[in-house]
Amino acid sequence: MANCHINLSVERINSLRAKMSNFQILMIDEISMVDHRLLEVPWDL
């Protein structure tokens, strides 16, 4: 199976982060496929 990793731009990461800002639960099946910058969340919400 080929490695299908896609690099995300900062703009794309910020866009996804904004879309997910109201999520109360985020389930990730394969954490190794998620860019660590996408999961940088302020925990003092």
PDB file of N, CA and C in Angstrom:
ATOM      1  N   MET A   1       0.839  -1.172   0.000  1.00  0.00           N
ATOM      2  CA  MET A   1       0.000   0.000   0.000  1.00  0.00           C
ATOM      3  C   MET A   1       0.890   1.243   0.000  1.00  0.00           C
ATOM      4  N   ALA A   2       0.597   2.204  -0.848  1.00  0.00           N
ATOM      5  CA  ALA A   2       1.381   3.426  -0.960  1.00  0.00           C
ATOM      6  C   ALA A   2       1.077   4.375   0.197  1.00  0.00           C
ATOM      7  N   ASN A   3       2.080   5.143   0.568  1.00  0.00           N
ATOM      8  CA  ASN A   3       1.903   6.157   1.602  1.00  0.00           C
ATOM      9  C   ASN A   3       1.203   7.360   0.979  1.00  0.00           C
ATOM     10  N   CYS A   4       0.049   7.738   1.481  1.00  0.00           N
ATOM     11  CA  CYS A   4      -0.757   8.818   0.906  1.00  0.00           C
ATOM     12  C   CYS A   4      -0.800  10.020   1.840  1.00  0.00           C
ATOM     13  N   HIS A   5       0.332  10.454   2.329  1.00  0.00           N
ATOM     14  CA  HIS A   5       0.402  11.591   3.245  1.00  0.00           C
ATOM     15  C   HIS A   5       0.314  12.887   2.455  1.00  0.00           C
ATOM     16  N   ILE A   6      -0.503  13.827   2.923  1.00  0.00           N
ATOM     17  CA  ILE A   6      -0.665  15.121   2.267  1.00  0.00           C
ATOM     18  C   ILE A   6      -0.243  16.209   3.243  1.00  0.00           C
ATOM     19  N   ASN A   7       0.708  17.045   2.836  1.00  0.00           N
ATOM     20  CA  ASN A   7       1.111  18.172   3.676  1.00  0.00           C
ATOM     21  C   ASN A   7       0.065  19.271   3.583  1.00  0.00           C
ATOM     22  N   LEU A   8      -0.311  19.819   4.727  1.00  0.00           N
ATOM     23  CA  LEU A   8      -1.311  20.878   4.772  1.00  0.00           C
ATOM     24  C   LEU A   8      -0.635  22.231   4.953  1.00  0.00           C
ATOM     25  N   SER A   9      -1.152  23.229   4.262  1.00  0.00           N
ATOM     26  CA  SER A   9      -0.638  24.586   4.436  1.00  0.00           C
ATOM     27  C   SER A   9      -1.152  25.142   5.765  1.00  0.00           C
ATOM     28  N   VAL A  10      -0.509  26.179   6.236  1.00  0.00           N
ATOM     29  CA  VAL A  10      -0.944  26.824   7.476  1.00  0.00           C
ATOM     30  C   VAL A  10      -2.366  27.342   7.319  1.00  0.00           C
ATOM     31  N   GLU A  11      -2.682  27.886   6.149  1.00  0.00           N
ATOM     32  CA  GLU A  11      -4.033  28.400   5.905  1.00  0.00           C
ATOM     33  C   GLU A  11      -5.068  27.287   5.996  1.00  0.00           C
ATOM     34  N   ARG A  12      -4.757  26.123   5.431  1.00  0.00           N
ATOM     35  CA  ARG A  12      -5.688  24.987   5.466  1.00  0.00           C
ATOM     36  C   ARG A  12      -5.864  24.483   6.894  1.00  0.00           C
ATOM     37  N   ILE A  13      -4.783  24.412   7.631  1.00  0.00           N
ATOM     38  CA  ILE A  13      -4.856  23.968   9.025  1.00  0.00           C
ATOM     39  C   ILE A  13      -5.724  24.923   9.833  1.00  0.00           C
ATOM     40  N   ASN A  14      -5.514  26.226   9.648  1.00  0.00           N
ATOM     41  CA  ASN A  14      -6.320  27.208  10.377  1.00  0.00           C
ATOM     42  C   ASN A  14      -7.787  27.126   9.983  1.00  0.00           C
ATOM     43  N   SER A  15      -8.058  26.862   8.715  1.00  0.00           N
ATOM     44  CA  SER A  15      -9.437  26.717   8.251  1.00  0.00           C
ATOM     45  C   SER A  15     -10.106  25.506   8.906  1.00  0.00           C
ATOM     46  N   LEU A  16      -9.413  24.388   8.935  1.00  0.00           N
ATOM     47  CA  LEU A  16      -9.957  23.184   9.567  1.00  0.00           C
ATOM     48  C   LEU A  16     -10.141  23.393  11.065  1.00  0.00           C
ATOM     49  N   ARG A  17      -9.184  24.061  11.683  1.00  0.00           N
ATOM     50  CA  ARG A  17      -9.273  24.333  13.119  1.00  0.00           C
ATOM     51  C   ARG A  17     -10.501  25.192  13.423  1.00  0.00           C
ATOM     52  N   ALA A  18     -10.765  26.197  12.573  1.00  0.00           N
ATOM     53  CA  ALA A  18     -11.933  27.064  12.767  1.00  0.00           C
ATOM     54  C   ALA A  18     -13.225  26.276  12.599  1.00  0.00           C
ATOM     55  N   LYS A  19     -13.272  25.381  11.613  1.00  0.00           N
ATOM     56  CA  LYS A  19     -14.471  24.572  11.382  1.00  0.00           C
ATOM     57  C   LYS A  19     -14.746  23.637  12.555  1.00  0.00           C
ATOM     58  N   MET A  20     -13.684  23.190  13.219  1.00  0.00           N
ATOM     59  CA  MET A  20     -13.841  22.246  14.318  1.00  0.00           C
ATOM     60  C   MET A  20     -13.927  22.928  15.676  1.00  0.00           C
ATOM     61  N   SER A  21     -13.929  24.255  15.706  1.00  0.00           N
ATOM     62  CA  SER A  21     -13.863  24.973  16.980  1.00  0.00           C
ATOM     63  C   SER A  21     -15.074  24.724  17.876  1.00  0.00           C
ATOM     64  N   ASN A  22     -16.201  24.337  17.304  1.00  0.00           N
ATOM     65  CA  ASN A  22     -17.404  24.090  18.108  1.00  0.00           C
ATOM     66  C   ASN A  22     -17.617  22.615  18.433  1.00  0.00           C
ATOM     67  N   PHE A  23     -16.694  21.766  18.004  1.00  0.00           N
ATOM     68  CA  PHE A  23     -16.816  20.347  18.315  1.00  0.00           C
ATOM     69  C   PHE A  23     -16.698  20.146  19.818  1.00  0.00           C
ATOM     70  N   GLN A  24     -17.503  19.265  20.347  1.00  0.00           N
ATOM     71  CA  GLN A  24     -17.365  18.908  21.751  1.00  0.00           C
ATOM     72  C   GLN A  24     -16.618  17.589  21.890  1.00  0.00           C
ATOM     73  N   ILE A  25     -16.722  16.751  20.877  1.00  0.00           N
ATOM     74  CA  ILE A  25     -16.014  15.468  20.863  1.00  0.00           C
ATOM     75  C   ILE A  25     -15.416  15.281  19.478  1.00  0.00           C
ATOM     76  N   LEU A  26     -14.144  14.924  19.432  1.00  0.00           N
ATOM     77  CA  LEU A  26     -13.474  14.626  18.173  1.00  0.00           C
ATOM     78  C   LEU A  26     -12.854  13.244  18.308  1.00  0.00           C
ATOM     79  N   MET A  27     -13.353  12.297  17.534  1.00  0.00           N
ATOM     80  CA  MET A  27     -12.826  10.932  17.577  1.00  0.00           C
ATOM     81  C   MET A  27     -11.892  10.742  16.392  1.00  0.00           C
ATOM     82  N   ILE A  28     -10.674  10.311  16.679  1.00  0.00           N
ATOM     83  CA  ILE A  28      -9.676  10.083  15.634  1.00  0.00           C
ATOM     84  C   ILE A  28      -9.303   8.613  15.668  1.00  0.00           C
ATOM     85  N   ASP A  29      -9.551   7.949  14.557  1.00  0.00           N
ATOM     86  CA  ASP A  29      -9.292   6.519  14.476  1.00  0.00           C
ATOM     87  C   ASP A  29      -7.803   6.232  14.287  1.00  0.00           C
ATOM     88  N   GLU A  30      -7.116   7.053  13.547  1.00  0.00           N
ATOM     89  CA  GLU A  30      -5.697   6.810  13.260  1.00  0.00           C
ATOM     90  C   GLU A  30      -4.914   8.093  13.516  1.00  0.00           C
ATOM     91  N   ILE A  31      -4.484   8.276  14.753  1.00  0.00           N
ATOM     92  CA  ILE A  31      -3.830   9.512  15.172  1.00  0.00           C
ATOM     93  C   ILE A  31      -2.564   9.787  14.379  1.00  0.00           C
ATOM     94  N   SER A  32      -1.878   8.774  13.921  1.00  0.00           N
ATOM     95  CA  SER A  32      -0.634   8.996  13.182  1.00  0.00           C
ATOM     96  C   SER A  32      -0.872   9.666  11.833  1.00  0.00           C
ATOM     97  N   MET A  33      -2.112   9.724  11.381  1.00  0.00           N
ATOM     98  CA  MET A  33      -2.418  10.350  10.101  1.00  0.00           C
ATOM     99  C   MET A  33      -2.848  11.811  10.265  1.00  0.00           C
ATOM    100  N   VAL A  34      -2.861  12.317  11.503  1.00  0.00           N
ATOM    101  CA  VAL A  34      -3.295  13.684  11.773  1.00  0.00           C
ATOM    102  C   VAL A  34      -2.072  14.531  12.104  1.00  0.00           C
ATOM    103  N   ASP A  35      -1.932  15.647  11.416  1.00  0.00           N
ATOM    104  CA  ASP A  35      -0.818  16.553  11.661  1.00  0.00           C
ATOM    105  C   ASP A  35      -0.917  17.110  13.082  1.00  0.00           C
ATOM    106  N   HIS A  36       0.184  17.109  13.793  1.00  0.00           N
ATOM    107  CA  HIS A  36       0.177  17.554  15.192  1.00  0.00           C
ATOM    108  C   HIS A  36      -0.269  19.004  15.331  1.00  0.00           C
ATOM    109  N   ARG A  37      -0.041  19.836  14.312  1.00  0.00           N
ATOM    110  CA  ARG A  37      -0.453  21.243  14.394  1.00  0.00           C
ATOM    111  C   ARG A  37      -1.968  21.383  14.391  1.00  0.00           C
ATOM    112  N   LEU A  38      -2.663  20.441  13.773  1.00  0.00           N
ATOM    113  CA  LEU A  38      -4.120  20.499  13.729  1.00  0.00           C
ATOM    114  C   LEU A  38      -4.721  20.275  15.112  1.00  0.00           C
ATOM    115  N   LEU A  39      -4.009  19.542  15.949  1.00  0.00           N
ATOM    116  CA  LEU A  39      -4.533  19.200  17.266  1.00  0.00           C
ATOM    117  C   LEU A  39      -4.071  20.145  18.368  1.00  0.00           C
ATOM    118  N   GLU A  40      -3.364  21.202  18.011  1.00  0.00           N
ATOM    119  CA  GLU A  40      -2.947  22.181  19.012  1.00  0.00           C
ATOM    120  C   GLU A  40      -4.156  23.008  19.403  1.00  0.00           C
ATOM    121  N   VAL A  41      -4.718  22.669  20.540  1.00  0.00           N
ATOM    122  CA  VAL A  41      -5.965  23.274  21.001  1.00  0.00           C
ATOM    123  C   VAL A  41      -5.712  23.975  22.325  1.00  0.00           C
ATOM    124  N   PRO A  42      -6.245  25.189  22.494  1.00  0.00           N
ATOM    125  CA  PRO A  42      -6.128  25.815  23.820  1.00  0.00           C
ATOM    126  C   PRO A  42      -7.023  25.074  24.812  1.00  0.00           C
ATOM    127  N   TRP A  43      -6.438  24.465  25.829  1.00  0.00           N
ATOM    128  CA  TRP A  43      -7.201  23.629  26.761  1.00  0.00           C
ATOM    129  C   TRP A  43      -7.916  24.437  27.829  1.00  0.00           C
ATOM    130  N   ASP A  44      -7.765  25.763  27.809  1.00  0.00           N
ATOM    131  CA  ASP A  44      -8.426  26.585  28.818  1.00  0.00           C
ATOM    132  C   ASP A  44      -9.759  27.140  28.332  1.00  0.00           C
ATOM    133  N   LEU A  45     -10.420  26.442  27.440  1.00  0.00           N
ATOM    134  CA  LEU A  45     -11.707  26.890  26.897  1.00  0.00           C
ATOM    135  C   LEU A  45     -12.790  26.857  27.944  1.00  0.00           C
TER     136      LEU A  45
END
